[in-house]
Amino acid sequence: MTNANNNFHSSCFCPLRIRIYLVSSGSIALPDYWTQLAVVLTATALGILYWGFKPQIDRLFKEKGKFQKAKSETAPLRKEETQEASLLPENVQITKLSIDDSLLDEIYEQARRKAIDIYHDAQLSFFAIQVYPFTGPSVNIYLDFYSKWADKKCTLRARSDASWHVEHSPPDKHPKYDSGRQVFTTLPWKESPQWMEFLNRAYAKIGPFAPAIGTSYHLFAYPTQNKHWSLGFSDGFSGKEYSFEWDGKGLDENSIKQLS
């Protein structure tokens, strides 16, 4: 230990002796010498301090790095990154739509105003929800309005980007059958408030589906006496398709029928 200290002091003071000799011989100017000497001594002192406190300094920077990493991992997602997820909270529950009566009422009013601008006597004649749960997810709501005056149906589609908005989807067409000329006397989600439970129970009979791009389901409501609601599932992974009918009233086996 003594030899190491002696070597250290020798290494530090050897350059100092050389500089004193150069100053005394006039090889370097005295002010320059003191400036350079101060720089050398300062650098030496900082080096000694660093090596003396190196464990504490390393620990400080390590803890700061952990804090920054934890902060970035717990930062909330931006609104545009979570907006679509709110429509389908979990992939394993693809029928758990965040759609309630108030939203449907709002969409209906927007669609009805647009339909009346096209046909003054337009009335709701068809309602559907189309969902692609593993693509986006993508959720569309369709409302058809029939005009007796023009004998045509116009389709309004509601879809969600930053917010729900309704757009006209031409071309308008003449109904092929008389059933297409019937209109709702009561809004279907008001007449059958258990429609979401019907959707969940039907899926429970056949699901869950493995994630696949082609997977989709379509829920329809008609203003007919013998057929109120229809539901079709398409499993994009297995290629199978399933169909259900519902009378819009009960939730038992007699009310919910799976078609072969």
C-alpha atoms as a PDB file:
ATOM      1  CA  MET A   1       0.000   0.000   0.000  1.00  0.00           C
ATOM      2  CA  THR A   2       2.904   2.328   0.846  1.00  0.00           C
ATOM      3  CA  ASN A   3       4.584   1.626  -2.489  1.00  0.00           C
ATOM      4  CA  ALA A   4       1.332   2.384  -4.348  1.00  0.00           C
ATOM      5  CA  ASN A   5       0.981   5.706  -2.535  1.00  0.00           C
ATOM      6  CA  ASN A   6       4.571   6.591  -3.288  1.00  0.00           C
ATOM      7  CA  ASN A   7       4.062   5.767  -6.960  1.00  0.00           C
ATOM      8  CA  PHE A   8       0.898   7.912  -7.043  1.00  0.00           C
ATOM      9  CA  HIS A   9       2.647  10.904  -5.455  1.00  0.00           C
ATOM     10  CA  SER A  10       5.598  10.456  -7.786  1.00  0.00           C
ATOM     11  CA  SER A  11       3.337  10.336 -10.844  1.00  0.00           C
ATOM     12  CA  CYS A  12       1.527  13.497  -9.700  1.00  0.00           C
ATOM     13  CA  PHE A  13       4.583  15.559  -8.773  1.00  0.00           C
ATOM     14  CA  CYS A  14       6.909  14.507 -11.588  1.00  0.00           C
ATOM     15  CA  PRO A  15       5.128  16.690 -14.194  1.00  0.00           C
ATOM     16  CA  LEU A  16       5.041  19.508 -11.613  1.00  0.00           C
ATOM     17  CA  ARG A  17       8.821  19.446 -11.227  1.00  0.00           C
ATOM     18  CA  ILE A  18       9.252  19.527 -14.984  1.00  0.00           C
ATOM     19  CA  ARG A  19       6.979  22.571 -15.292  1.00  0.00           C
ATOM     20  CA  ILE A  20       8.852  24.405 -12.491  1.00  0.00           C
ATOM     21  CA  TYR A  21      12.076  23.825 -14.368  1.00  0.00           C
ATOM     22  CA  LEU A  22      10.575  25.080 -17.647  1.00  0.00           C
ATOM     23  CA  VAL A  23       9.278  28.234 -15.939  1.00  0.00           C
ATOM     24  CA  SER A  24      12.593  28.975 -14.309  1.00  0.00           C
ATOM     25  CA  SER A  25      14.416  28.475 -17.590  1.00  0.00           C
ATOM     26  CA  GLY A  26      12.038  30.840 -19.414  1.00  0.00           C
ATOM     27  CA  SER A  27      10.689  28.180 -21.783  1.00  0.00           C
ATOM     28  CA  ILE A  28       7.067  28.985 -20.817  1.00  0.00           C
ATOM     29  CA  ALA A  29       5.476  32.197 -19.510  1.00  0.00           C
ATOM     30  CA  LEU A  30       4.523  32.293 -15.833  1.00  0.00           C
ATOM     31  CA  PRO A  31       0.807  33.236 -16.342  1.00  0.00           C
ATOM     32  CA  ASP A  32       0.398  30.403 -18.847  1.00  0.00           C
ATOM     33  CA  TYR A  33       2.014  28.079 -16.420  1.00  0.00           C
ATOM     34  CA  TRP A  34      -0.376  28.894 -13.574  1.00  0.00           C
ATOM     35  CA  THR A  35      -3.368  28.552 -15.883  1.00  0.00           C
ATOM     36  CA  GLN A  36      -2.255  25.152 -17.109  1.00  0.00           C
ATOM     37  CA  LEU A  37      -1.369  24.086 -13.583  1.00  0.00           C
ATOM     38  CA  ALA A  38      -4.853  25.030 -12.332  1.00  0.00           C
ATOM     39  CA  VAL A  39      -6.423  22.997 -15.127  1.00  0.00           C
ATOM     40  CA  VAL A  40      -4.295  19.953 -14.289  1.00  0.00           C
ATOM     41  CA  LEU A  41      -4.996  20.181 -10.563  1.00  0.00           C
ATOM     42  CA  THR A  42      -8.742  20.647 -11.146  1.00  0.00           C
ATOM     43  CA  ALA A  43      -8.925  17.635 -13.471  1.00  0.00           C
ATOM     44  CA  THR A  44      -6.946  15.568 -10.954  1.00  0.00           C
ATOM     45  CA  ALA A  45      -9.261  16.573  -8.112  1.00  0.00           C
ATOM     46  CA  LEU A  46     -12.384  15.759 -10.140  1.00  0.00           C
ATOM     47  CA  GLY A  47     -10.955  12.355 -11.025  1.00  0.00           C
ATOM     48  CA  ILE A  48     -10.248  11.588  -7.362  1.00  0.00           C
ATOM     49  CA  LEU A  49     -13.767  12.688  -6.374  1.00  0.00           C
ATOM     50  CA  TYR A  50     -15.378  10.577  -9.113  1.00  0.00           C
ATOM     51  CA  TRP A  51     -13.570   7.384  -8.151  1.00  0.00           C
ATOM     52  CA  GLY A  52     -14.300   8.050  -4.490  1.00  0.00           C
ATOM     53  CA  PHE A  53     -18.054   8.474  -5.084  1.00  0.00           C
ATOM     54  CA  LYS A  54     -18.418   6.160  -8.103  1.00  0.00           C
ATOM     55  CA  PRO A  55     -20.798   3.624  -6.405  1.00  0.00           C
ATOM     56  CA  GLN A  56     -23.166   6.409  -5.299  1.00  0.00           C
ATOM     57  CA  ILE A  57     -23.125   8.074  -8.751  1.00  0.00           C
ATOM     58  CA  ASP A  58     -23.773   4.783 -10.568  1.00  0.00           C
ATOM     59  CA  ARG A  59     -26.636   3.978  -8.181  1.00  0.00           C
ATOM     60  CA  LEU A  60     -28.198   7.425  -8.751  1.00  0.00           C
ATOM     61  CA  PHE A  61     -28.230   7.077 -12.561  1.00  0.00           C
ATOM     62  CA  LYS A  62     -29.476   3.482 -12.349  1.00  0.00           C
ATOM     63  CA  GLU A  63     -32.447   4.472 -10.154  1.00  0.00           C
ATOM     64  CA  LYS A  64     -33.238   7.422 -12.446  1.00  0.00           C
ATOM     65  CA  GLY A  65     -33.334   5.074 -15.448  1.00  0.00           C
ATOM     66  CA  LYS A  66     -35.731   2.712 -13.662  1.00  0.00           C
ATOM     67  CA  PHE A  67     -38.005   5.623 -12.779  1.00  0.00           C
ATOM     68  CA  GLN A  68     -38.141   6.880 -16.376  1.00  0.00           C
ATOM     69  CA  LYS A  69     -38.909   3.363 -17.659  1.00  0.00           C
ATOM     70  CA  ALA A  70     -41.703   2.834 -15.116  1.00  0.00           C
ATOM     71  CA  LYS A  71     -43.154   6.242 -15.952  1.00  0.00           C
ATOM     72  CA  SER A  72     -43.264   5.463 -19.691  1.00  0.00           C
ATOM     73  CA  GLU A  73     -44.852   2.038 -19.101  1.00  0.00           C
ATOM     74  CA  THR A  74     -47.640   3.423 -16.902  1.00  0.00           C
ATOM     75  CA  ALA A  75     -48.411   6.469 -19.058  1.00  0.00           C
ATOM     76  CA  PRO A  76     -52.061   6.456 -20.265  1.00  0.00           C
ATOM     77  CA  LEU A  77     -52.762   5.706 -23.906  1.00  0.00           C
ATOM     78  CA  ARG A  78     -53.819   8.539 -26.157  1.00  0.00           C
ATOM     79  CA  LYS A  79     -57.536   8.984 -26.737  1.00  0.00           C
ATOM     80  CA  GLU A  80     -57.369   7.902 -30.384  1.00  0.00           C
ATOM     81  CA  GLU A  81     -55.663   4.633 -29.360  1.00  0.00           C
ATOM     82  CA  THR A  82     -58.427   3.634 -26.934  1.00  0.00           C
ATOM     83  CA  GLN A  83     -61.468   4.978 -28.710  1.00  0.00           C
ATOM     84  CA  GLU A  84     -62.320   1.859 -30.772  1.00  0.00           C
ATOM     85  CA  ALA A  85     -61.492  -0.455 -27.875  1.00  0.00           C
ATOM     86  CA  SER A  86     -64.338   1.071 -25.882  1.00  0.00           C
ATOM     87  CA  LEU A  87     -66.854  -0.456 -28.319  1.00  0.00           C
ATOM     88  CA  LEU A  88     -65.572  -3.969 -27.627  1.00  0.00           C
ATOM     89  CA  PRO A  89     -63.925  -4.142 -24.190  1.00  0.00           C
ATOM     90  CA  GLU A  90     -62.528  -7.691 -24.590  1.00  0.00           C
ATOM     91  CA  ASN A  91     -61.812  -9.907 -27.588  1.00  0.00           C
ATOM     92  CA  VAL A  92     -63.083 -12.971 -25.691  1.00  0.00           C
ATOM     93  CA  GLN A  93     -66.458 -11.253 -25.301  1.00  0.00           C
ATOM     94  CA  ILE A  94     -67.032  -9.987 -28.816  1.00  0.00           C
ATOM     95  CA  THR A  95     -70.749  -9.388 -28.211  1.00  0.00           C
ATOM     96  CA  LYS A  96     -70.210  -7.045 -25.233  1.00  0.00           C
ATOM     97  CA  LEU A  97     -70.919  -3.901 -27.212  1.00  0.00           C
ATOM     98  CA  SER A  98     -70.813  -0.530 -25.467  1.00  0.00           C
ATOM     99  CA  ILE A  99     -74.022   0.565 -27.205  1.00  0.00           C
ATOM    100  CA  ASP A 100     -77.053   1.655 -25.205  1.00  0.00           C
ATOM    101  CA  ASP A 101     -80.500   3.090 -25.951  1.00  0.00           C
ATOM    102  CA  SER A 102     -79.361   6.705 -25.656  1.00  0.00           C
ATOM    103  CA  LEU A 103     -76.717   6.184 -28.338  1.00  0.00           C
ATOM    104  CA  LEU A 104     -79.196   4.413 -30.623  1.00  0.00           C
ATOM    105  CA  ASP A 105     -81.725   7.202 -30.074  1.00  0.00           C
ATOM    106  CA  GLU A 106     -79.148   9.793 -31.068  1.00  0.00           C
ATOM    107  CA  ILE A 107     -78.107   7.869 -34.181  1.00  0.00           C
ATOM    108  CA  TYR A 108     -81.728   7.344 -35.159  1.00  0.00           C
ATOM    109  CA  GLU A 109     -82.511  11.082 -34.907  1.00  0.00           C
ATOM    110  CA  GLN A 110     -79.530  11.967 -37.086  1.00  0.00           C
ATOM    111  CA  ALA A 111     -80.480   9.327 -39.650  1.00  0.00           C
ATOM    112  CA  ARG A 112     -84.158  10.304 -39.651  1.00  0.00           C
ATOM    113  CA  ARG A 113     -83.359  13.973 -40.363  1.00  0.00           C
ATOM    114  CA  LYS A 114     -81.169  12.985 -43.292  1.00  0.00           C
ATOM    115  CA  ALA A 115     -83.814  10.557 -44.626  1.00  0.00           C
ATOM    116  CA  ILE A 116     -86.543  13.219 -44.449  1.00  0.00           C
ATOM    117  CA  ASP A 117     -84.311  15.561 -46.423  1.00  0.00           C
ATOM    118  CA  ILE A 118     -84.337  12.915 -49.160  1.00  0.00           C
ATOM    119  CA  TYR A 119     -87.973  11.732 -48.842  1.00  0.00           C
ATOM    120  CA  HIS A 120     -90.373  13.814 -46.799  1.00  0.00           C
ATOM    121  CA  ASP A 121     -92.394  10.779 -45.649  1.00  0.00           C
ATOM    122  CA  ALA A 122     -89.453   8.497 -44.787  1.00  0.00           C
ATOM    123  CA  GLN A 123     -90.080   6.009 -41.951  1.00  0.00           C
ATOM    124  CA  LEU A 124     -87.772   3.421 -40.349  1.00  0.00           C
ATOM    125  CA  SER A 125     -88.210   0.007 -41.983  1.00  0.00           C
ATOM    126  CA  PHE A 126     -85.002  -1.885 -41.096  1.00  0.00           C
ATOM    127  CA  PHE A 127     -82.332  -1.849 -38.376  1.00  0.00           C
ATOM    128  CA  ALA A 128     -79.028  -3.729 -38.241  1.00  0.00           C
ATOM    129  CA  ILE A 129     -75.715  -3.821 -36.384  1.00  0.00           C
ATOM    130  CA  GLN A 130     -72.691  -5.215 -38.210  1.00  0.00           C
ATOM    131  CA  VAL A 131     -69.537  -6.073 -36.257  1.00  0.00           C
ATOM    132  CA  TYR A 132     -66.064  -7.252 -37.290  1.00  0.00           C
ATOM    133  CA  PRO A 133     -64.580  -7.794 -33.808  1.00  0.00           C
ATOM    134  CA  PHE A 134     -61.029  -8.680 -34.830  1.00  0.00           C
ATOM    135  CA  THR A 135     -60.622  -6.062 -37.541  1.00  0.00           C
ATOM    136  CA  GLY A 136     -60.212  -2.700 -35.926  1.00  0.00           C
ATOM    137  CA  PRO A 137     -62.710  -3.529 -34.432  1.00  0.00           C
ATOM    138  CA  SER A 138     -65.281  -2.282 -36.935  1.00  0.00           C
ATOM    139  CA  VAL A 139     -68.853  -1.517 -35.862  1.00  0.00           C
ATOM    140  CA  ASN A 140     -71.518  -0.217 -38.252  1.00  0.00           C
ATOM    141  CA  ILE A 141     -75.176   0.526 -37.647  1.00  0.00           C
ATOM    142  CA  TYR A 142     -77.608   0.543 -40.595  1.00  0.00           C
ATOM    143  CA  LEU A 143     -81.067   2.090 -40.718  1.00  0.00           C
ATOM    144  CA  ASP A 144     -83.338   1.834 -43.770  1.00  0.00           C
ATOM    145  CA  PHE A 145     -86.153   4.340 -44.288  1.00  0.00           C
ATOM    146  CA  TYR A 146     -89.060   3.631 -46.615  1.00  0.00           C
ATOM    147  CA  SER A 147     -90.866   6.315 -48.584  1.00  0.00           C
ATOM    148  CA  LYS A 148     -94.388   5.411 -49.680  1.00  0.00           C
ATOM    149  CA  TRP A 149     -94.475   8.495 -51.915  1.00  0.00           C
ATOM    150  CA  ALA A 150     -91.374   7.424 -53.898  1.00  0.00           C
ATOM    151  CA  ASP A 151     -91.763   3.687 -53.193  1.00  0.00           C
ATOM    152  CA  LYS A 152     -88.059   3.585 -52.377  1.00  0.00           C
ATOM    153  CA  LYS A 153     -85.829   2.756 -49.474  1.00  0.00           C
ATOM    154  CA  CYS A 154     -82.781   4.812 -48.512  1.00  0.00           C
ATOM    155  CA  THR A 155     -80.026   3.423 -46.293  1.00  0.00           C
ATOM    156  CA  LEU A 156     -78.250   5.481 -43.632  1.00  0.00           C
ATOM    157  CA  ARG A 157     -75.079   4.106 -42.112  1.00  0.00           C
ATOM    158  CA  ALA A 158     -73.600   5.146 -38.771  1.00  0.00           C
ATOM    159  CA  ARG A 159     -69.973   4.392 -38.064  1.00  0.00           C
ATOM    160  CA  SER A 160     -67.504   5.494 -35.434  1.00  0.00           C
ATOM    161  CA  ASP A 161     -64.185   7.228 -36.069  1.00  0.00           C
ATOM    162  CA  ALA A 162     -63.420  10.063 -33.685  1.00  0.00           C
ATOM    163  CA  SER A 163     -67.187  10.155 -33.004  1.00  0.00           C
ATOM    164  CA  TRP A 164     -70.331   8.568 -34.380  1.00  0.00           C
ATOM    165  CA  HIS A 165     -71.611  10.123 -37.581  1.00  0.00           C
ATOM    166  CA  VAL A 166     -74.311   9.173 -40.063  1.00  0.00           C
ATOM    167  CA  GLU A 167     -74.008   9.125 -43.847  1.00  0.00           C
ATOM    168  CA  HIS A 168     -76.305   8.292 -46.743  1.00  0.00           C
ATOM    169  CA  SER A 169     -75.401   5.094 -48.621  1.00  0.00           C
ATOM    170  CA  PRO A 170     -76.883   5.224 -52.135  1.00  0.00           C
ATOM    171  CA  PRO A 171     -78.322   3.987 -54.404  1.00  0.00           C
ATOM    172  CA  ASP A 172     -81.895   4.052 -53.140  1.00  0.00           C
ATOM    173  CA  LYS A 173     -83.923   1.065 -54.336  1.00  0.00           C
ATOM    174  CA  HIS A 174     -87.501  -0.087 -54.758  1.00  0.00           C
ATOM    175  CA  PRO A 175     -88.441  -2.876 -52.305  1.00  0.00           C
ATOM    176  CA  LYS A 176     -88.523  -6.311 -53.963  1.00  0.00           C
ATOM    177  CA  TYR A 177     -91.264  -7.634 -51.692  1.00  0.00           C
ATOM    178  CA  ASP A 178     -94.204  -6.163 -49.856  1.00  0.00           C
ATOM    179  CA  SER A 179     -92.503  -6.971 -46.544  1.00  0.00           C
ATOM    180  CA  GLY A 180     -89.895  -4.368 -47.440  1.00  0.00           C
ATOM    181  CA  ARG A 181     -92.620  -1.719 -47.409  1.00  0.00           C
ATOM    182  CA  GLN A 182     -93.541  -2.293 -43.775  1.00  0.00           C
ATOM    183  CA  VAL A 183     -92.328   0.230 -41.201  1.00  0.00           C
ATOM    184  CA  PHE A 184     -91.749   0.169 -37.456  1.00  0.00           C
ATOM    185  CA  THR A 185     -94.459   1.601 -35.254  1.00  0.00           C
ATOM    186  CA  THR A 186     -92.068   1.382 -32.259  1.00  0.00           C
ATOM    187  CA  LEU A 187     -88.282   1.602 -32.403  1.00  0.00           C
ATOM    188  CA  PRO A 188     -86.987  -1.999 -32.261  1.00  0.00           C
ATOM    189  CA  TRP A 189     -84.558  -1.445 -29.372  1.00  0.00           C
ATOM    190  CA  LYS A 190     -87.438   0.105 -27.410  1.00  0.00           C
ATOM    191  CA  GLU A 191     -89.865  -2.692 -28.214  1.00  0.00           C
ATOM    192  CA  SER A 192     -87.249  -5.377 -27.440  1.00  0.00           C
ATOM    193  CA  PRO A 193     -84.986  -3.921 -24.713  1.00  0.00           C
ATOM    194  CA  GLN A 194     -83.362  -7.341 -24.117  1.00  0.00           C
ATOM    195  CA  TRP A 195     -81.763  -7.446 -27.573  1.00  0.00           C
ATOM    196  CA  MET A 196     -78.251  -7.290 -26.103  1.00  0.00           C
ATOM    197  CA  GLU A 197     -78.944 -10.272 -23.849  1.00  0.00           C
ATOM    198  CA  PHE A 198     -80.244 -12.190 -26.874  1.00  0.00           C
ATOM    199  CA  LEU A 199     -76.973 -11.452 -28.659  1.00  0.00           C
ATOM    200  CA  ASN A 200     -74.904 -12.644 -25.688  1.00  0.00           C
ATOM    201  CA  ARG A 201     -76.909 -15.835 -25.155  1.00  0.00           C
ATOM    202  CA  ALA A 202     -76.759 -16.801 -28.816  1.00  0.00           C
ATOM    203  CA  TYR A 203     -72.985 -16.371 -28.896  1.00  0.00           C
ATOM    204  CA  ALA A 204     -72.614 -18.409 -25.684  1.00  0.00           C
ATOM    205  CA  LYS A 205     -74.131 -21.376 -27.538  1.00  0.00           C
ATOM    206  CA  ILE A 206     -71.442 -21.396 -30.248  1.00  0.00           C
ATOM    207  CA  GLY A 207     -68.445 -19.371 -28.978  1.00  0.00           C
ATOM    208  CA  PRO A 208     -65.897 -18.341 -28.159  1.00  0.00           C
ATOM    209  CA  PHE A 209     -64.266 -17.842 -31.554  1.00  0.00           C
ATOM    210  CA  ALA A 210     -60.539 -17.831 -32.139  1.00  0.00           C
ATOM    211  CA  PRO A 211     -59.326 -14.430 -33.390  1.00  0.00           C
ATOM    212  CA  ALA A 212     -59.571 -14.225 -37.178  1.00  0.00           C
ATOM    213  CA  ILE A 213     -59.896 -11.322 -39.595  1.00  0.00           C
ATOM    214  CA  GLY A 214     -62.966 -12.752 -41.346  1.00  0.00           C
ATOM    215  CA  THR A 215     -65.009 -13.225 -38.164  1.00  0.00           C
ATOM    216  CA  SER A 216     -68.188 -11.129 -38.081  1.00  0.00           C
ATOM    217  CA  TYR A 217     -71.777 -11.057 -36.931  1.00  0.00           C
ATOM    218  CA  HIS A 218     -74.896  -9.233 -38.098  1.00  0.00           C
ATOM    219  CA  LEU A 219     -77.957  -8.490 -35.995  1.00  0.00           C
ATOM    220  CA  PHE A 220     -81.154  -7.501 -37.855  1.00  0.00           C
ATOM    221  CA  ALA A 221     -84.584  -6.268 -36.787  1.00  0.00           C
ATOM    222  CA  TYR A 222     -87.625  -6.321 -39.061  1.00  0.00           C
ATOM    223  CA  PRO A 223     -91.110  -4.753 -38.588  1.00  0.00           C
ATOM    224  CA  THR A 224     -92.940  -8.009 -39.364  1.00  0.00           C
ATOM    225  CA  GLN A 225     -95.337  -9.958 -37.184  1.00  0.00           C
ATOM    226  CA  ASN A 226     -93.770 -13.395 -37.449  1.00  0.00           C
ATOM    227  CA  LYS A 227     -90.072 -12.553 -37.603  1.00  0.00           C
ATOM    228  CA  HIS A 228     -88.735  -9.744 -35.444  1.00  0.00           C
ATOM    229  CA  TRP A 229     -84.981 -10.363 -35.070  1.00  0.00           C
ATOM    230  CA  SER A 230     -82.324 -12.383 -36.927  1.00  0.00           C
ATOM    231  CA  LEU A 231     -78.685 -12.952 -36.035  1.00  0.00           C
ATOM    232  CA  GLY A 232     -75.903 -14.423 -38.145  1.00  0.00           C
ATOM    233  CA  PHE A 233     -72.364 -15.368 -37.047  1.00  0.00           C
ATOM    234  CA  SER A 234     -69.462 -16.100 -39.362  1.00  0.00           C
ATOM    235  CA  ASP A 235     -66.407 -17.763 -37.771  1.00  0.00           C
ATOM    236  CA  GLY A 236     -63.470 -16.651 -39.881  1.00  0.00           C
ATOM    237  CA  PHE A 237     -61.144 -19.216 -38.275  1.00  0.00           C
ATOM    238  CA  SER A 238     -63.199 -22.394 -38.843  1.00  0.00           C
ATOM    239  CA  GLY A 239     -65.311 -21.128 -41.751  1.00  0.00           C
ATOM    240  CA  LYS A 240     -68.540 -22.122 -39.988  1.00  0.00           C
ATOM    241  CA  GLU A 241     -71.677 -19.991 -40.006  1.00  0.00           C
ATOM    242  CA  TYR A 242     -74.517 -19.890 -37.479  1.00  0.00           C
ATOM    243  CA  SER A 243     -78.001 -18.359 -37.621  1.00  0.00           C
ATOM    244  CA  PHE A 244     -80.533 -17.493 -34.920  1.00  0.00           C
ATOM    245  CA  GLU A 245     -84.024 -16.060 -34.755  1.00  0.00           C
ATOM    246  CA  TRP A 246     -85.635 -14.272 -31.822  1.00  0.00           C
ATOM    247  CA  ASP A 247     -89.202 -13.231 -31.216  1.00  0.00           C
ATOM    248  CA  GLY A 248     -88.049 -10.087 -29.427  1.00  0.00           C
ATOM    249  CA  LYS A 249     -89.758 -11.070 -26.176  1.00  0.00           C
ATOM    250  CA  GLY A 250     -88.515 -13.969 -24.044  1.00  0.00           C
ATOM    251  CA  LEU A 251     -85.027 -15.389 -23.577  1.00  0.00           C
ATOM    252  CA  ASP A 252     -85.863 -19.088 -23.307  1.00  0.00           C
ATOM    253  CA  GLU A 253     -85.457 -21.884 -25.849  1.00  0.00           C
ATOM    254  CA  ASN A 254     -88.842 -21.144 -27.356  1.00  0.00           C
ATOM    255  CA  SER A 255     -87.941 -17.501 -27.967  1.00  0.00           C
ATOM    256  CA  ILE A 256     -84.354 -18.010 -29.184  1.00  0.00           C
ATOM    257  CA  LYS A 257     -84.091 -20.507 -32.018  1.00  0.00           C
ATOM    258  CA  GLN A 258     -80.893 -21.712 -33.631  1.00  0.00           C
ATOM    259  CA  LEU A 259     -81.430 -22.537 -37.283  1.00  0.00           C
ATOM    260  CA  SER A 260     -79.830 -25.605 -38.838  1.00  0.00           C
END
